[in-house]
Amino acid sequence: MLRTVTATRYVTPLREGGSLPALVEADDDGLYVLKFRGAGQGPLALVAELVAGEIGRALGLPVPELVLMEVGVELGRNEPDPEIRELLKASIGCNLALDYLPGSVMFDPAAGDSLAAELASEIVWFDALVTNVDRTPRNPNLLLWHRAPYLIDHGAALYFHHAWQNVEEMAKTRFAAVREHVLLPWASRLEEAGERLPALLPAARLAAILDEVPDAWLRAAPGDLTPAGRRAGYLAFLTGRLAAARAFVEEAERARAQLV
């Protein structure tokens, strides 16, 4: 289960992208990167971040710990920046945060960074499963901390939930965006990943992950489904993705063959 902590001190904004995350201290004395419910991308980005991140952790991939973070009215009360004050005001209540990795740097192939074939293949398979379009050379969302890789920023995954239309067909997508994946050049063991990883994601494990998503975040989706209905929809999508795994592995292998 995800831990819940309370934000106690707003340290500094991290002005990367449009969501304006922040470095925040919590009541367990830890430092976290806080993703705000009230940011422009809205609660669905937090849903994708939580669900994809916890799926990654269930697969044994290196994802920093995720926590639910309560934000109170007092956080940032003396913040001089009006944009940040408005963001904090719009995010009072439950938000999402991930463990801060001080001194980490972004993975950069141009600087000679590389990854072992097995791990690269597992990450490519995972991103295809959750339809994560945001791990490209332009924006790897892959940190190196003490020389070890960590996957971050999964808010762009599960993009079907912004419309909730043709969910069954969306689950069958071959995920052509995989050709832009930053780790594709090293992903030479995709077939082995596809044989091993699905067994780590039984329906009960996926349902347990979905149960961690706060109801309030699920009510932000379009349509009139209840939170329970949303969870059922996510579960149907993810089990459909697993059933279609052979197709997205083939797509990734085809894209990789065009690189060499």
C-alpha atoms as a PDB file:
ATOM      1  CA  MET A   1       0.000   0.000   0.000  1.00  0.00           C
ATOM      2  CA  LEU A   2       1.116   3.553  -0.659  1.00  0.00           C
ATOM      3  CA  ARG A   3       2.130   5.532   2.392  1.00  0.00           C
ATOM      4  CA  THR A   4       0.428   8.844   3.101  1.00  0.00           C
ATOM      5  CA  VAL A   5       2.531  11.771   4.309  1.00  0.00           C
ATOM      6  CA  THR A   6       1.756  15.416   4.969  1.00  0.00           C
ATOM      7  CA  ALA A   7       3.638  18.269   3.332  1.00  0.00           C
ATOM      8  CA  THR A   8       5.259  20.460   5.988  1.00  0.00           C
ATOM      9  CA  ARG A   9       7.535  22.793   4.032  1.00  0.00           C
ATOM     10  CA  TYR A  10       7.515  24.073   0.476  1.00  0.00           C
ATOM     11  CA  VAL A  11      11.201  24.128  -0.478  1.00  0.00           C
ATOM     12  CA  THR A  12      11.407  25.247  -4.106  1.00  0.00           C
ATOM     13  CA  PRO A  13       9.556  24.957  -7.419  1.00  0.00           C
ATOM     14  CA  LEU A  14      10.988  22.671 -10.082  1.00  0.00           C
ATOM     15  CA  ARG A  15      10.245  24.647 -13.211  1.00  0.00           C
ATOM     16  CA  GLU A  16      10.257  21.770 -15.665  1.00  0.00           C
ATOM     17  CA  GLY A  17       7.366  21.236 -18.053  1.00  0.00           C
ATOM     18  CA  GLY A  18       3.919  22.687 -17.554  1.00  0.00           C
ATOM     19  CA  SER A  19       2.920  21.054 -14.277  1.00  0.00           C
ATOM     20  CA  LEU A  20       5.270  23.059 -12.016  1.00  0.00           C
ATOM     21  CA  PRO A  21       6.136  20.279  -9.529  1.00  0.00           C
ATOM     22  CA  ALA A  22       7.923  21.265  -6.333  1.00  0.00           C
ATOM     23  CA  LEU A  23      10.504  19.993  -3.911  1.00  0.00           C
ATOM     24  CA  VAL A  24       8.681  19.577  -0.603  1.00  0.00           C
ATOM     25  CA  GLU A  25       9.563  18.320   2.873  1.00  0.00           C
ATOM     26  CA  ALA A  26       7.078  16.008   4.602  1.00  0.00           C
ATOM     27  CA  ASP A  27       6.266  15.044   8.159  1.00  0.00           C
ATOM     28  CA  ASP A  28       8.471  11.944   7.903  1.00  0.00           C
ATOM     29  CA  ASP A  29      11.459  14.303   7.357  1.00  0.00           C
ATOM     30  CA  GLY A  30      11.796  13.094   3.766  1.00  0.00           C
ATOM     31  CA  LEU A  31      12.165  15.233   0.662  1.00  0.00           C
ATOM     32  CA  TYR A  32       9.781  14.574  -2.208  1.00  0.00           C
ATOM     33  CA  VAL A  33       8.964  15.846  -5.673  1.00  0.00           C
ATOM     34  CA  LEU A  34       5.314  16.834  -5.312  1.00  0.00           C
ATOM     35  CA  LYS A  35       2.976  16.563  -8.302  1.00  0.00           C
ATOM     36  CA  PHE A  36      -0.008  18.866  -7.810  1.00  0.00           C
ATOM     37  CA  ARG A  37      -3.602  17.826  -8.374  1.00  0.00           C
ATOM     38  CA  GLY A  38      -4.410  21.426  -9.286  1.00  0.00           C
ATOM     39  CA  ALA A  39      -1.805  21.695 -12.062  1.00  0.00           C
ATOM     40  CA  GLY A  40      -2.893  22.277 -15.638  1.00  0.00           C
ATOM     41  CA  GLN A  41      -2.643  18.583 -16.506  1.00  0.00           C
ATOM     42  CA  GLY A  42      -5.225  17.831 -13.805  1.00  0.00           C
ATOM     43  CA  PRO A  43      -5.853  14.787 -11.609  1.00  0.00           C
ATOM     44  CA  LEU A  44      -5.694  12.333 -14.505  1.00  0.00           C
ATOM     45  CA  ALA A  45      -1.956  12.934 -14.765  1.00  0.00           C
ATOM     46  CA  LEU A  46      -1.686  11.820 -11.148  1.00  0.00           C
ATOM     47  CA  VAL A  47      -3.772   8.727 -11.899  1.00  0.00           C
ATOM     48  CA  ALA A  48      -1.411   7.804 -14.736  1.00  0.00           C
ATOM     49  CA  GLU A  49       1.616   8.569 -12.567  1.00  0.00           C
ATOM     50  CA  LEU A  50       0.380   6.354  -9.746  1.00  0.00           C
ATOM     51  CA  VAL A  51      -0.920   3.445 -11.809  1.00  0.00           C
ATOM     52  CA  ALA A  52       1.988   3.291 -14.256  1.00  0.00           C
ATOM     53  CA  GLY A  53       4.556   3.855 -11.515  1.00  0.00           C
ATOM     54  CA  GLU A  54       3.174   1.093  -9.322  1.00  0.00           C
ATOM     55  CA  ILE A  55       2.952  -1.266 -12.294  1.00  0.00           C
ATOM     56  CA  GLY A  56       6.614  -0.515 -12.943  1.00  0.00           C
ATOM     57  CA  ARG A  57       7.445  -1.328  -9.331  1.00  0.00           C
ATOM     58  CA  ALA A  58       5.414  -4.561  -9.536  1.00  0.00           C
ATOM     59  CA  LEU A  59       7.568  -5.524 -12.522  1.00  0.00           C
ATOM     60  CA  GLY A  60      10.701  -4.928 -10.467  1.00  0.00           C
ATOM     61  CA  LEU A  61      11.689  -1.823 -12.409  1.00  0.00           C
ATOM     62  CA  PRO A  62      13.529   1.034 -10.684  1.00  0.00           C
ATOM     63  CA  VAL A  63      10.783   3.561  -9.919  1.00  0.00           C
ATOM     64  CA  PRO A  64      11.280   5.896  -6.920  1.00  0.00           C
ATOM     65  CA  GLU A  65       8.830   5.342  -4.082  1.00  0.00           C
ATOM     66  CA  LEU A  66       5.461   6.995  -4.654  1.00  0.00           C
ATOM     67  CA  VAL A  67       3.458   8.417  -1.754  1.00  0.00           C
ATOM     68  CA  LEU A  68       0.150  10.154  -1.349  1.00  0.00           C
ATOM     69  CA  MET A  69       0.804  13.629   0.032  1.00  0.00           C
ATOM     70  CA  GLU A  70      -1.669  15.792   1.909  1.00  0.00           C
ATOM     71  CA  VAL A  71      -1.358  19.518   1.227  1.00  0.00           C
ATOM     72  CA  GLY A  72      -2.872  21.876   3.774  1.00  0.00           C
ATOM     73  CA  VAL A  73      -3.879  25.527   3.502  1.00  0.00           C
ATOM     74  CA  GLU A  74      -0.754  26.602   5.398  1.00  0.00           C
ATOM     75  CA  LEU A  75       1.743  25.251   2.841  1.00  0.00           C
ATOM     76  CA  GLY A  76       3.410  28.099   1.000  1.00  0.00           C
ATOM     77  CA  ARG A  77       1.327  30.718   2.790  1.00  0.00           C
ATOM     78  CA  ASN A  78       4.214  33.171   2.501  1.00  0.00           C
ATOM     79  CA  GLU A  79       5.088  32.230  -1.076  1.00  0.00           C
ATOM     80  CA  PRO A  80       5.519  35.490  -3.042  1.00  0.00           C
ATOM     81  CA  ASP A  81       4.855  33.987  -6.483  1.00  0.00           C
ATOM     82  CA  PRO A  82       1.106  34.337  -7.244  1.00  0.00           C
ATOM     83  CA  GLU A  83       1.186  31.433  -9.734  1.00  0.00           C
ATOM     84  CA  ILE A  84       2.525  29.100  -7.055  1.00  0.00           C
ATOM     85  CA  ARG A  85       0.043  30.387  -4.464  1.00  0.00           C
ATOM     86  CA  GLU A  86      -2.837  29.647  -6.839  1.00  0.00           C
ATOM     87  CA  LEU A  87      -1.457  26.194  -7.556  1.00  0.00           C
ATOM     88  CA  LEU A  88      -1.194  25.394  -3.859  1.00  0.00           C
ATOM     89  CA  LYS A  89      -4.710  26.680  -3.225  1.00  0.00           C
ATOM     90  CA  ALA A  90      -6.076  24.499  -6.047  1.00  0.00           C
ATOM     91  CA  SER A  91      -4.259  21.442  -4.670  1.00  0.00           C
ATOM     92  CA  ILE A  92      -5.387  21.416  -1.035  1.00  0.00           C
ATOM     93  CA  GLY A  93      -6.011  17.800  -0.089  1.00  0.00           C
ATOM     94  CA  CYS A  94      -4.514  14.636  -1.542  1.00  0.00           C
ATOM     95  CA  ASN A  95      -1.727  14.849  -4.130  1.00  0.00           C
ATOM     96  CA  LEU A  96       1.046  12.541  -5.337  1.00  0.00           C
ATOM     97  CA  ALA A  97       4.773  12.715  -4.671  1.00  0.00           C
ATOM     98  CA  LEU A  98       7.849  10.662  -5.409  1.00  0.00           C
ATOM     99  CA  ASP A  99      11.054  10.238  -3.492  1.00  0.00           C
ATOM    100  CA  TYR A 100      13.600  12.952  -4.286  1.00  0.00           C
ATOM    101  CA  LEU A 101      16.920  11.726  -5.682  1.00  0.00           C
ATOM    102  CA  PRO A 102      19.434  14.487  -4.859  1.00  0.00           C
ATOM    103  CA  GLY A 103      22.228  14.927  -7.347  1.00  0.00           C
ATOM    104  CA  SER A 104      20.641  12.752 -10.018  1.00  0.00           C
ATOM    105  CA  VAL A 105      21.175  13.576 -13.699  1.00  0.00           C
ATOM    106  CA  MET A 106      19.099  12.841 -16.769  1.00  0.00           C
ATOM    107  CA  PHE A 107      20.050   9.847 -18.915  1.00  0.00           C
ATOM    108  CA  ASP A 108      21.763  11.176 -22.046  1.00  0.00           C
ATOM    109  CA  PRO A 109      22.909   8.880 -24.873  1.00  0.00           C
ATOM    110  CA  ALA A 110      24.823  11.792 -26.401  1.00  0.00           C
ATOM    111  CA  ALA A 111      26.972  11.822 -23.263  1.00  0.00           C
ATOM    112  CA  GLY A 112      27.710   8.112 -23.606  1.00  0.00           C
ATOM    113  CA  ASP A 113      25.007   6.807 -21.260  1.00  0.00           C
ATOM    114  CA  SER A 114      23.708   3.314 -22.024  1.00  0.00           C
ATOM    115  CA  LEU A 115      21.720   0.543 -20.386  1.00  0.00           C
ATOM    116  CA  ALA A 116      22.024  -3.246 -20.241  1.00  0.00           C
ATOM    117  CA  ALA A 117      19.927  -5.026 -22.855  1.00  0.00           C
ATOM    118  CA  GLU A 118      17.731  -6.878 -20.350  1.00  0.00           C
ATOM    119  CA  LEU A 119      16.732  -3.782 -18.383  1.00  0.00           C
ATOM    120  CA  ALA A 120      16.319  -1.643 -21.502  1.00  0.00           C
ATOM    121  CA  SER A 121      14.026  -4.290 -23.003  1.00  0.00           C
ATOM    122  CA  GLU A 122      11.954  -4.506 -19.826  1.00  0.00           C
ATOM    123  CA  ILE A 123      11.514  -0.726 -19.733  1.00  0.00           C
ATOM    124  CA  VAL A 124      10.499  -0.555 -23.394  1.00  0.00           C
ATOM    125  CA  TRP A 125       7.997  -3.385 -22.801  1.00  0.00           C
ATOM    126  CA  PHE A 126       6.606  -1.615 -19.733  1.00  0.00           C
ATOM    127  CA  ASP A 127       6.205   1.717 -21.524  1.00  0.00           C
ATOM    128  CA  ALA A 128       4.429   0.002 -24.420  1.00  0.00           C
ATOM    129  CA  LEU A 129       2.119  -1.736 -21.959  1.00  0.00           C
ATOM    130  CA  VAL A 130       1.041   1.501 -20.270  1.00  0.00           C
ATOM    131  CA  THR A 131       1.185   3.507 -23.532  1.00  0.00           C
ATOM    132  CA  ASN A 132       3.751   5.939 -22.150  1.00  0.00           C
ATOM    133  CA  VAL A 133       4.677   8.330 -24.962  1.00  0.00           C
ATOM    134  CA  ASP A 134       7.088  10.345 -22.844  1.00  0.00           C
ATOM    135  CA  ARG A 135      10.428   8.537 -22.736  1.00  0.00           C
ATOM    136  CA  THR A 136      12.119   9.910 -25.834  1.00  0.00           C
ATOM    137  CA  PRO A 137      15.598  11.295 -26.576  1.00  0.00           C
ATOM    138  CA  ARG A 138      14.116  14.780 -26.181  1.00  0.00           C
ATOM    139  CA  ASN A 139      12.692  13.923 -22.757  1.00  0.00           C
ATOM    140  CA  PRO A 140      14.015  10.596 -21.416  1.00  0.00           C
ATOM    141  CA  ASN A 141      12.402  10.825 -17.945  1.00  0.00           C
ATOM    142  CA  LEU A 142      15.144   8.467 -16.853  1.00  0.00           C
ATOM    143  CA  LEU A 143      17.415   9.620 -14.037  1.00  0.00           C
ATOM    144  CA  LEU A 144      20.838   8.288 -13.139  1.00  0.00           C
ATOM    145  CA  TRP A 145      21.431   8.344  -9.393  1.00  0.00           C
ATOM    146  CA  HIS A 146      24.575   6.796  -7.957  1.00  0.00           C
ATOM    147  CA  ARG A 147      25.030   5.326 -11.456  1.00  0.00           C
ATOM    148  CA  ALA A 148      21.717   3.451 -11.255  1.00  0.00           C
ATOM    149  CA  PRO A 149      18.711   4.308 -13.485  1.00  0.00           C
ATOM    150  CA  TYR A 150      15.329   5.431 -12.127  1.00  0.00           C
ATOM    151  CA  LEU A 151      12.110   5.867 -14.098  1.00  0.00           C
ATOM    152  CA  ILE A 152      10.143   9.048 -13.435  1.00  0.00           C
ATOM    153  CA  ASP A 153       7.221  11.095 -14.790  1.00  0.00           C
ATOM    154  CA  HIS A 154       4.544   8.735 -16.086  1.00  0.00           C
ATOM    155  CA  GLY A 155       1.783  11.330 -16.240  1.00  0.00           C
ATOM    156  CA  ALA A 156       1.492  11.013 -20.026  1.00  0.00           C
ATOM    157  CA  ALA A 157       0.774   7.263 -19.866  1.00  0.00           C
ATOM    158  CA  LEU A 158      -2.691   5.672 -20.152  1.00  0.00           C
ATOM    159  CA  TYR A 159      -3.746   8.503 -22.453  1.00  0.00           C
ATOM    160  CA  PHE A 160      -6.987   6.705 -23.355  1.00  0.00           C
ATOM    161  CA  HIS A 161      -8.483   8.035 -20.098  1.00  0.00           C
ATOM    162  CA  HIS A 162      -8.669  11.592 -21.410  1.00  0.00           C
ATOM    163  CA  ALA A 163     -11.579  10.555 -23.642  1.00  0.00           C
ATOM    164  CA  TRP A 164     -12.766   7.108 -22.481  1.00  0.00           C
ATOM    165  CA  GLN A 165     -13.794   6.217 -26.028  1.00  0.00           C
ATOM    166  CA  ASN A 166     -13.106   2.954 -27.867  1.00  0.00           C
ATOM    167  CA  VAL A 167     -11.312   1.588 -24.816  1.00  0.00           C
ATOM    168  CA  GLU A 168     -11.281  -1.981 -26.126  1.00  0.00           C
ATOM    169  CA  GLU A 169      -9.709  -0.861 -29.402  1.00  0.00           C
ATOM    170  CA  MET A 170      -7.233   1.375 -27.586  1.00  0.00           C
ATOM    171  CA  ALA A 171      -6.148  -1.641 -25.537  1.00  0.00           C
ATOM    172  CA  LYS A 172      -5.178  -3.441 -28.756  1.00  0.00           C
ATOM    173  CA  THR A 173      -2.970  -0.668 -30.129  1.00  0.00           C
ATOM    174  CA  ARG A 174       0.431  -1.758 -31.384  1.00  0.00           C
ATOM    175  CA  PHE A 175       1.775   1.510 -29.938  1.00  0.00           C
ATOM    176  CA  ALA A 176       3.602   2.995 -32.914  1.00  0.00           C
ATOM    177  CA  ALA A 177       5.087   5.677 -30.620  1.00  0.00           C
ATOM    178  CA  VAL A 178       7.532   3.040 -29.362  1.00  0.00           C
ATOM    179  CA  ARG A 179       9.772   3.918 -32.317  1.00  0.00           C
ATOM    180  CA  GLU A 180      10.645   7.145 -30.457  1.00  0.00           C
ATOM    181  CA  HIS A 181      11.699   5.350 -27.257  1.00  0.00           C
ATOM    182  CA  VAL A 182      15.104   6.484 -26.011  1.00  0.00           C
ATOM    183  CA  LEU A 183      16.096   2.947 -24.969  1.00  0.00           C
ATOM    184  CA  LEU A 184      15.074   1.153 -28.151  1.00  0.00           C
ATOM    185  CA  PRO A 185      18.676   0.878 -29.437  1.00  0.00           C
ATOM    186  CA  TRP A 186      19.594  -1.253 -26.397  1.00  0.00           C
ATOM    187  CA  ALA A 187      16.347  -3.273 -26.222  1.00  0.00           C
ATOM    188  CA  SER A 188      17.584  -6.446 -27.904  1.00  0.00           C
ATOM    189  CA  ARG A 189      15.767  -8.822 -25.527  1.00  0.00           C
ATOM    190  CA  LEU A 190      12.178  -7.748 -26.022  1.00  0.00           C
ATOM    191  CA  GLU A 191      10.903 -11.246 -26.663  1.00  0.00           C
ATOM    192  CA  GLU A 192      12.370 -12.503 -23.384  1.00  0.00           C
ATOM    193  CA  ALA A 193      10.814  -9.555 -21.543  1.00  0.00           C
ATOM    194  CA  GLY A 194       7.472 -10.342 -23.133  1.00  0.00           C
ATOM    195  CA  GLU A 195       7.685 -13.931 -21.955  1.00  0.00           C
ATOM    196  CA  ARG A 196       8.608 -13.121 -18.352  1.00  0.00           C
ATOM    197  CA  LEU A 197       6.868  -9.916 -17.306  1.00  0.00           C
ATOM    198  CA  PRO A 198       3.133 -10.603 -17.835  1.00  0.00           C
ATOM    199  CA  ALA A 199       3.131 -13.226 -15.085  1.00  0.00           C
ATOM    200  CA  LEU A 200       4.071 -10.480 -12.618  1.00  0.00           C
ATOM    201  CA  LEU A 201       0.810  -8.635 -13.326  1.00  0.00           C
ATOM    202  CA  PRO A 202      -2.131 -10.886 -12.458  1.00  0.00           C
ATOM    203  CA  ALA A 203      -5.524  -9.202 -12.424  1.00  0.00           C
ATOM    204  CA  ALA A 204      -5.547  -9.173  -8.610  1.00  0.00           C
ATOM    205  CA  ARG A 205      -2.278  -7.200  -8.541  1.00  0.00           C
ATOM    206  CA  LEU A 206      -3.580  -4.682 -11.046  1.00  0.00           C
ATOM    207  CA  ALA A 207      -6.820  -4.313  -9.088  1.00  0.00           C
ATOM    208  CA  ALA A 208      -4.848  -3.683  -5.895  1.00  0.00           C
ATOM    209  CA  ILE A 209      -2.900  -0.917  -7.625  1.00  0.00           C
ATOM    210  CA  LEU A 210      -6.108   0.677  -8.900  1.00  0.00           C
ATOM    211  CA  ASP A 211      -7.572   0.554  -5.410  1.00  0.00           C
ATOM    212  CA  GLU A 212      -4.800   2.947  -4.323  1.00  0.00           C
ATOM    213  CA  VAL A 213      -6.122   5.710  -6.599  1.00  0.00           C
ATOM    214  CA  PRO A 214      -8.194   8.251  -4.609  1.00  0.00           C
ATOM    215  CA  ASP A 215     -11.828   8.434  -5.666  1.00  0.00           C
ATOM    216  CA  ALA A 216     -11.590  12.214  -6.107  1.00  0.00           C
ATOM    217  CA  TRP A 217      -9.022  11.836  -8.880  1.00  0.00           C
ATOM    218  CA  LEU A 218     -11.200   9.379 -10.771  1.00  0.00           C
ATOM    219  CA  ARG A 219     -14.212  11.691 -10.696  1.00  0.00           C
ATOM    220  CA  ALA A 220     -12.240  14.164 -12.832  1.00  0.00           C
ATOM    221  CA  ALA A 221     -12.487  11.920 -15.901  1.00  0.00           C
ATOM    222  CA  PRO A 222     -15.037  12.640 -18.635  1.00  0.00           C
ATOM    223  CA  GLY A 223     -18.371  10.846 -18.500  1.00  0.00           C
ATOM    224  CA  ASP A 224     -20.551   9.748 -15.635  1.00  0.00           C
ATOM    225  CA  LEU A 225     -18.901   6.536 -14.442  1.00  0.00           C
ATOM    226  CA  THR A 226     -18.482   6.063 -10.704  1.00  0.00           C
ATOM    227  CA  PRO A 227     -14.972   5.598  -9.257  1.00  0.00           C
ATOM    228  CA  ALA A 228     -15.658   1.865  -9.123  1.00  0.00           C
ATOM    229  CA  GLY A 229     -16.672   1.961 -12.767  1.00  0.00           C
ATOM    230  CA  ARG A 230     -13.464   3.821 -13.626  1.00  0.00           C
ATOM    231  CA  ARG A 231     -11.360   1.221 -11.840  1.00  0.00           C
ATOM    232  CA  ALA A 232     -13.152  -1.525 -13.742  1.00  0.00           C
ATOM    233  CA  GLY A 233     -12.428   0.337 -16.964  1.00  0.00           C
ATOM    234  CA  TYR A 234      -8.733   0.693 -16.191  1.00  0.00           C
ATOM    235  CA  LEU A 235      -8.559  -2.974 -15.271  1.00  0.00           C
ATOM    236  CA  ALA A 236     -10.235  -3.958 -18.546  1.00  0.00           C
ATOM    237  CA  PHE A 237      -7.807  -1.748 -20.475  1.00  0.00           C
ATOM    238  CA  LEU A 238      -4.721  -3.157 -18.743  1.00  0.00           C
ATOM    239  CA  THR A 239      -5.786  -6.779 -19.062  1.00  0.00           C
ATOM    240  CA  GLY A 240      -6.528  -6.047 -22.709  1.00  0.00           C
ATOM    241  CA  ARG A 241      -3.033  -4.631 -23.112  1.00  0.00           C
ATOM    242  CA  LEU A 242      -1.538  -7.773 -21.627  1.00  0.00           C
ATOM    243  CA  ALA A 243      -3.588  -9.883 -24.009  1.00  0.00           C
ATOM    244  CA  ALA A 244      -2.259  -7.773 -26.910  1.00  0.00           C
ATOM    245  CA  ALA A 245       1.356  -7.845 -25.694  1.00  0.00           C
ATOM    246  CA  ARG A 246       2.572  -9.915 -28.633  1.00  0.00           C
ATOM    247  CA  ALA A 247       1.434  -7.154 -31.001  1.00  0.00           C
ATOM    248  CA  PHE A 248       3.263  -4.327 -29.244  1.00  0.00           C
ATOM    249  CA  VAL A 249       6.403  -6.442 -28.868  1.00  0.00           C
ATOM    250  CA  GLU A 250       6.341  -7.048 -32.627  1.00  0.00           C
ATOM    251  CA  GLU A 251       5.903  -3.310 -33.200  1.00  0.00           C
ATOM    252  CA  ALA A 252       8.891  -2.544 -30.982  1.00  0.00           C
ATOM    253  CA  GLU A 253      11.041  -5.173 -32.653  1.00  0.00           C
ATOM    254  CA  ARG A 254      10.099  -3.813 -36.081  1.00  0.00           C
ATOM    255  CA  ALA A 255      10.980  -0.289 -35.021  1.00  0.00           C
ATOM    256  CA  ARG A 256      14.281  -1.459 -33.559  1.00  0.00           C
ATOM    257  CA  ALA A 257      15.185  -3.325 -36.748  1.00  0.00           C
ATOM    258  CA  GLN A 258      14.882  -0.048 -38.639  1.00  0.00           C
ATOM    259  CA  LEU A 259      17.532   1.497 -36.398  1.00  0.00           C
ATOM    260  CA  VAL A 260      20.285  -0.941 -37.340  1.00  0.00           C
END
